[in-house]
C-alpha atoms as a PDB file:
ATOM      1  CA  UNK A   1     -73.407-109.410-204.580  1.00  0.00           C
ATOM      2  CA  UNK A   2     -73.016-108.259-201.061  1.00  0.00           C
ATOM      3  CA  UNK A   3     -69.875-109.941-199.500  1.00  0.00           C
ATOM      4  CA  UNK A   4     -71.427-109.314-196.055  1.00  0.00           C
ATOM      5  CA  UNK A   5     -74.738-111.135-196.737  1.00  0.00           C
ATOM      6  CA  UNK A   6     -74.527-114.667-195.361  1.00  0.00           C
ATOM      7  CA  UNK A   7     -76.349-116.022-198.376  1.00  0.00           C
ATOM      8  CA  UNK A   8     -73.833-114.713-200.609  1.00  0.00           C
ATOM      9  CA  UNK A   9     -70.932-116.221-198.463  1.00  0.00           C
ATOM     10  CA  UNK A  10     -72.139-119.859-198.973  1.00  0.00           C
ATOM     11  CA  UNK A  11     -73.265-119.478-202.634  1.00  0.00           C
ATOM     12  CA  UNK A  12     -76.406-121.263-201.731  1.00  0.00           C
ATOM     13  CA  UNK A  13     -79.902-120.165-202.252  1.00  0.00           C
ATOM     14  CA  UNK A  14     -80.970-120.556-198.613  1.00  0.00           C
ATOM     15  CA  UNK A  15     -77.865-121.606-196.260  1.00  0.00           C
ATOM     16  CA  UNK A  16     -79.434-120.267-193.161  1.00  0.00           C
ATOM     17  CA  UNK A  17     -81.597-122.713-191.411  1.00  0.00           C
ATOM     18  CA  UNK A  18     -82.857-122.786-187.644  1.00  0.00           C
ATOM     19  CA  UNK A  19     -84.496-119.348-188.125  1.00  0.00           C
ATOM     20  CA  UNK A  20     -81.396-117.574-189.323  1.00  0.00           C
ATOM     21  CA  UNK A  21     -79.371-118.285-186.348  1.00  0.00           C
ATOM     22  CA  UNK A  22     -76.192-118.933-188.110  1.00  0.00           C
ATOM     23  CA  UNK A  23     -76.602-122.752-188.576  1.00  0.00           C
ATOM     24  CA  UNK A  24     -75.352-123.768-192.128  1.00  0.00           C
ATOM     25  CA  UNK A  25     -76.917-126.115-194.421  1.00  0.00           C
ATOM     26  CA  UNK A  26     -74.560-129.147-194.644  1.00  0.00           C
ATOM     27  CA  UNK A  27     -73.238-128.376-191.231  1.00  0.00           C
ATOM     28  CA  UNK A  28     -71.298-125.603-189.587  1.00  0.00           C
ATOM     29  CA  UNK A  29     -67.974-126.283-187.675  1.00  0.00           C
ATOM     30  CA  UNK A  30     -68.921-127.293-184.197  1.00  0.00           C
ATOM     31  CA  UNK A  31     -66.421-125.784-182.041  1.00  0.00           C
ATOM     32  CA  UNK A  32     -62.949-125.476-183.293  1.00  0.00           C
ATOM     33  CA  UNK A  33     -62.669-125.907-187.061  1.00  0.00           C
ATOM     34  CA  UNK A  34     -61.359-129.256-188.287  1.00  0.00           C
ATOM     35  CA  UNK A  35     -59.851-128.479-191.685  1.00  0.00           C
ATOM     36  CA  UNK A  36     -59.434-132.275-192.400  1.00  0.00           C
ATOM     37  CA  UNK A  37     -62.970-133.642-191.760  1.00  0.00           C
ATOM     38  CA  UNK A  38     -66.273-133.062-193.669  1.00  0.00           C
ATOM     39  CA  UNK A  39     -68.747-131.275-191.781  1.00  0.00           C
ATOM     40  CA  UNK A  40     -71.593-133.235-193.345  1.00  0.00           C
ATOM     41  CA  UNK A  41     -70.105-136.805-193.557  1.00  0.00           C
ATOM     42  CA  UNK A  42     -73.107-138.307-195.305  1.00  0.00           C
ATOM     43  CA  UNK A  43     -72.964-135.959-198.210  1.00  0.00           C
ATOM     44  CA  UNK A  44     -69.325-136.279-199.204  1.00  0.00           C
ATOM     45  CA  UNK A  45     -67.938-139.712-197.886  1.00  0.00           C
ATOM     46  CA  UNK A  46     -68.197-142.881-199.753  1.00  0.00           C
ATOM     47  CA  UNK A  47     -69.001-141.003-202.790  1.00  0.00           C
ATOM     48  CA  UNK A  48     -66.537-140.425-205.819  1.00  0.00           C
ATOM     49  CA  UNK A  49     -66.447-136.550-206.135  1.00  0.00           C
ATOM     50  CA  UNK A  50     -63.866-136.814-208.882  1.00  0.00           C
ATOM     51  CA  UNK A  51     -65.273-134.610-211.905  1.00  0.00           C
ATOM     52  CA  UNK A  52     -67.423-132.553-209.650  1.00  0.00           C
ATOM     53  CA  UNK A  53     -67.246-128.715-210.293  1.00  0.00           C
ATOM     54  CA  UNK A  54     -66.172-126.649-207.224  1.00  0.00           C
ATOM     55  CA  UNK A  55     -67.839-123.499-206.509  1.00  0.00           C
ATOM     56  CA  UNK A  56     -66.243-120.879-204.174  1.00  0.00           C
ATOM     57  CA  UNK A  57     -68.629-118.186-202.606  1.00  0.00           C
ATOM     58  CA  UNK A  58     -67.917-115.945-205.709  1.00  0.00           C
ATOM     59  CA  UNK A  59     -67.735-118.369-208.525  1.00  0.00           C
ATOM     60  CA  UNK A  60     -66.213-121.617-209.911  1.00  0.00           C
ATOM     61  CA  UNK A  61     -62.733-122.569-209.459  1.00  0.00           C
ATOM     62  CA  UNK A  62     -62.441-125.685-211.269  1.00  0.00           C
ATOM     63  CA  UNK A  63     -63.052-129.585-211.239  1.00  0.00           C
ATOM     64  CA  UNK A  64     -62.228-132.180-208.592  1.00  0.00           C
ATOM     65  CA  UNK A  65     -58.974-134.150-209.817  1.00  0.00           C
ATOM     66  CA  UNK A  66     -58.829-136.242-206.761  1.00  0.00           C
ATOM     67  CA  UNK A  67     -60.260-136.829-203.434  1.00  0.00           C
ATOM     68  CA  UNK A  68     -59.372-138.278-200.034  1.00  0.00           C
ATOM     69  CA  UNK A  69     -61.706-139.547-197.442  1.00  0.00           C
ATOM     70  CA  UNK A  70     -59.304-140.647-194.855  1.00  0.00           C
ATOM     71  CA  UNK A  71     -60.655-140.117-191.309  1.00  0.00           C
ATOM     72  CA  UNK A  72     -59.167-136.874-189.943  1.00  0.00           C
ATOM     73  CA  UNK A  73     -57.314-136.295-193.166  1.00  0.00           C
ATOM     74  CA  UNK A  74     -59.796-135.734-195.950  1.00  0.00           C
ATOM     75  CA  UNK A  75     -59.126-133.215-198.855  1.00  0.00           C
ATOM     76  CA  UNK A  76     -60.030-132.311-202.480  1.00  0.00           C
ATOM     77  CA  UNK A  77     -57.397-131.516-205.089  1.00  0.00           C
ATOM     78  CA  UNK A  78     -58.959-129.216-207.648  1.00  0.00           C
ATOM     79  CA  UNK A  79     -57.629-128.708-211.090  1.00  0.00           C
ATOM     80  CA  UNK A  80     -58.220-125.022-211.603  1.00  0.00           C
ATOM     81  CA  UNK A  81     -57.779-125.106-215.435  1.00  0.00           C
ATOM     82  CA  UNK A  82     -57.263-121.609-216.907  1.00  0.00           C
ATOM     83  CA  UNK A  83     -58.389-119.975-213.889  1.00  0.00           C
ATOM     84  CA  UNK A  84     -54.974-119.967-212.276  1.00  0.00           C
ATOM     85  CA  UNK A  85     -53.140-121.097-215.204  1.00  0.00           C
ATOM     86  CA  UNK A  86     -53.428-124.812-214.743  1.00  0.00           C
ATOM     87  CA  UNK A  87     -52.328-124.838-211.229  1.00  0.00           C
ATOM     88  CA  UNK A  88     -54.123-127.311-208.946  1.00  0.00           C
ATOM     89  CA  UNK A  89     -55.138-126.569-205.233  1.00  0.00           C
ATOM     90  CA  UNK A  90     -55.719-128.505-202.394  1.00  0.00           C
ATOM     91  CA  UNK A  91     -58.901-127.763-200.110  1.00  0.00           C
ATOM     92  CA  UNK A  92     -59.049-129.334-196.748  1.00  0.00           C
ATOM     93  CA  UNK A  93     -62.573-131.284-196.424  1.00  0.00           C
ATOM     94  CA  UNK A  94     -63.558-128.752-193.792  1.00  0.00           C
ATOM     95  CA  UNK A  95     -64.021-126.089-196.370  1.00  0.00           C
ATOM     96  CA  UNK A  96     -66.787-127.807-197.950  1.00  0.00           C
ATOM     97  CA  UNK A  97     -70.085-126.417-197.010  1.00  0.00           C
ATOM     98  CA  UNK A  98     -72.246-128.703-198.937  1.00  0.00           C
ATOM     99  CA  UNK A  99     -72.572-131.184-201.839  1.00  0.00           C
ATOM    100  CA  UNK A 100     -75.112-130.952-204.702  1.00  0.00           C
ATOM    101  CA  UNK A 101     -74.963-134.439-206.277  1.00  0.00           C
ATOM    102  CA  UNK A 102     -77.745-133.787-208.728  1.00  0.00           C
ATOM    103  CA  UNK A 103     -75.624-130.912-210.176  1.00  0.00           C
ATOM    104  CA  UNK A 104     -72.225-132.652-209.448  1.00  0.00           C
ATOM    105  CA  UNK A 105     -70.979-129.515-207.661  1.00  0.00           C
ATOM    106  CA  UNK A 106     -69.148-129.179-204.312  1.00  0.00           C
ATOM    107  CA  UNK A 107     -69.519-125.840-202.623  1.00  0.00           C
ATOM    108  CA  UNK A 108     -66.855-124.372-200.402  1.00  0.00           C
ATOM    109  CA  UNK A 109     -67.149-121.497-198.007  1.00  0.00           C
ATOM    110  CA  UNK A 110     -64.158-119.554-199.195  1.00  0.00           C
ATOM    111  CA  UNK A 111     -63.737-116.915-201.981  1.00  0.00           C
ATOM    112  CA  UNK A 112     -61.583-117.507-205.172  1.00  0.00           C
ATOM    113  CA  UNK A 113     -59.065-114.833-203.608  1.00  0.00           C
ATOM    114  CA  UNK A 114     -58.759-116.886-200.463  1.00  0.00           C
ATOM    115  CA  UNK A 115     -58.217-120.140-202.421  1.00  0.00           C
ATOM    116  CA  UNK A 116     -55.800-118.413-204.721  1.00  0.00           C
ATOM    117  CA  UNK A 117     -53.742-117.127-201.915  1.00  0.00           C
ATOM    118  CA  UNK A 118     -53.545-120.498-200.172  1.00  0.00           C
ATOM    119  CA  UNK A 119     -50.177-122.277-199.860  1.00  0.00           C
ATOM    120  CA  UNK A 120     -49.032-123.627-203.071  1.00  0.00           C
ATOM    121  CA  UNK A 121     -49.837-127.171-203.940  1.00  0.00           C
ATOM    122  CA  UNK A 122     -47.526-129.767-205.913  1.00  0.00           C
ATOM    123  CA  UNK A 123     -48.377-133.441-206.479  1.00  0.00           C
ATOM    124  CA  UNK A 124     -46.290-134.531-203.433  1.00  0.00           C
ATOM    125  CA  UNK A 125     -47.753-132.050-200.949  1.00  0.00           C
ATOM    126  CA  UNK A 126     -50.755-133.891-199.754  1.00  0.00           C
ATOM    127  CA  UNK A 127     -48.641-136.262-197.780  1.00  0.00           C
ATOM    128  CA  UNK A 128     -46.224-133.799-196.247  1.00  0.00           C
ATOM    129  CA  UNK A 129     -47.212-133.083-192.750  1.00  0.00           C
ATOM    130  CA  UNK A 130     -45.695-129.647-192.721  1.00  0.00           C
ATOM    131  CA  UNK A 131     -47.581-128.560-195.644  1.00  0.00           C
ATOM    132  CA  UNK A 132     -50.738-129.969-194.191  1.00  0.00           C
ATOM    133  CA  UNK A 133     -50.277-128.125-191.042  1.00  0.00           C
ATOM    134  CA  UNK A 134     -49.457-124.706-193.098  1.00  0.00           C
ATOM    135  CA  UNK A 135     -52.749-125.313-195.248  1.00  0.00           C
ATOM    136  CA  UNK A 136     -54.953-126.330-192.427  1.00  0.00           C
ATOM    137  CA  UNK A 137     -53.671-123.271-190.268  1.00  0.00           C
ATOM    138  CA  UNK A 138     -54.412-120.927-193.335  1.00  0.00           C
ATOM    139  CA  UNK A 139     -57.891-122.044-193.907  1.00  0.00           C
ATOM    140  CA  UNK A 140     -58.487-121.986-189.993  1.00  0.00           C
ATOM    141  CA  UNK A 141     -57.231-118.406-189.901  1.00  0.00           C
ATOM    142  CA  UNK A 142     -59.484-117.583-192.817  1.00  0.00           C
ATOM    143  CA  UNK A 143     -62.597-117.919-190.734  1.00  0.00           C
ATOM    144  CA  UNK A 144     -61.260-114.956-188.816  1.00  0.00           C
ATOM    145  CA  UNK A 145     -61.761-112.699-191.992  1.00  0.00           C
ATOM    146  CA  UNK A 146     -65.691-113.380-192.076  1.00  0.00           C
ATOM    147  CA  UNK A 147     -67.623-110.700-190.677  1.00  0.00           C
ATOM    148  CA  UNK A 148     -68.860-111.227-186.965  1.00  0.00           C
ATOM    149  CA  UNK A 149     -72.304-112.842-186.824  1.00  0.00           C
ATOM    150  CA  UNK A 150     -71.875-114.592-190.430  1.00  0.00           C
ATOM    151  CA  UNK A 151     -72.708-118.161-190.623  1.00  0.00           C
ATOM    152  CA  UNK A 152     -69.599-120.435-191.187  1.00  0.00           C
END
């Protein structure tokens, strides 16, 4: 897999739309990245995502243990199982590139390494404003790691 290939970045058979001009199926962040809002509200809100598998750009990371659909505060808590020794991770909703309800999969536009390196989560973290600021800032900054011209 070529990490510079935009199709590989999004773990989707055809994530580029609009003639390959960088628009992402499921919605790309418009303007500034909002880590706490789903890009495509219709595919993720009002749906119970608990139990869905989560796919990073380079492989699976676990299953959704809990999900929040708060306006401006949405997130997923993913049980990573044996991948990170039973650790749970919190993913801001803005990292979700698309949801495949038929396959019961949520695709995020981050690598396994980026997710592993995120600020550590514990059961009380989701409500802590300082943790949320750190986590949102971490994922916002990780967009800078994508090659220029790559769809986000």
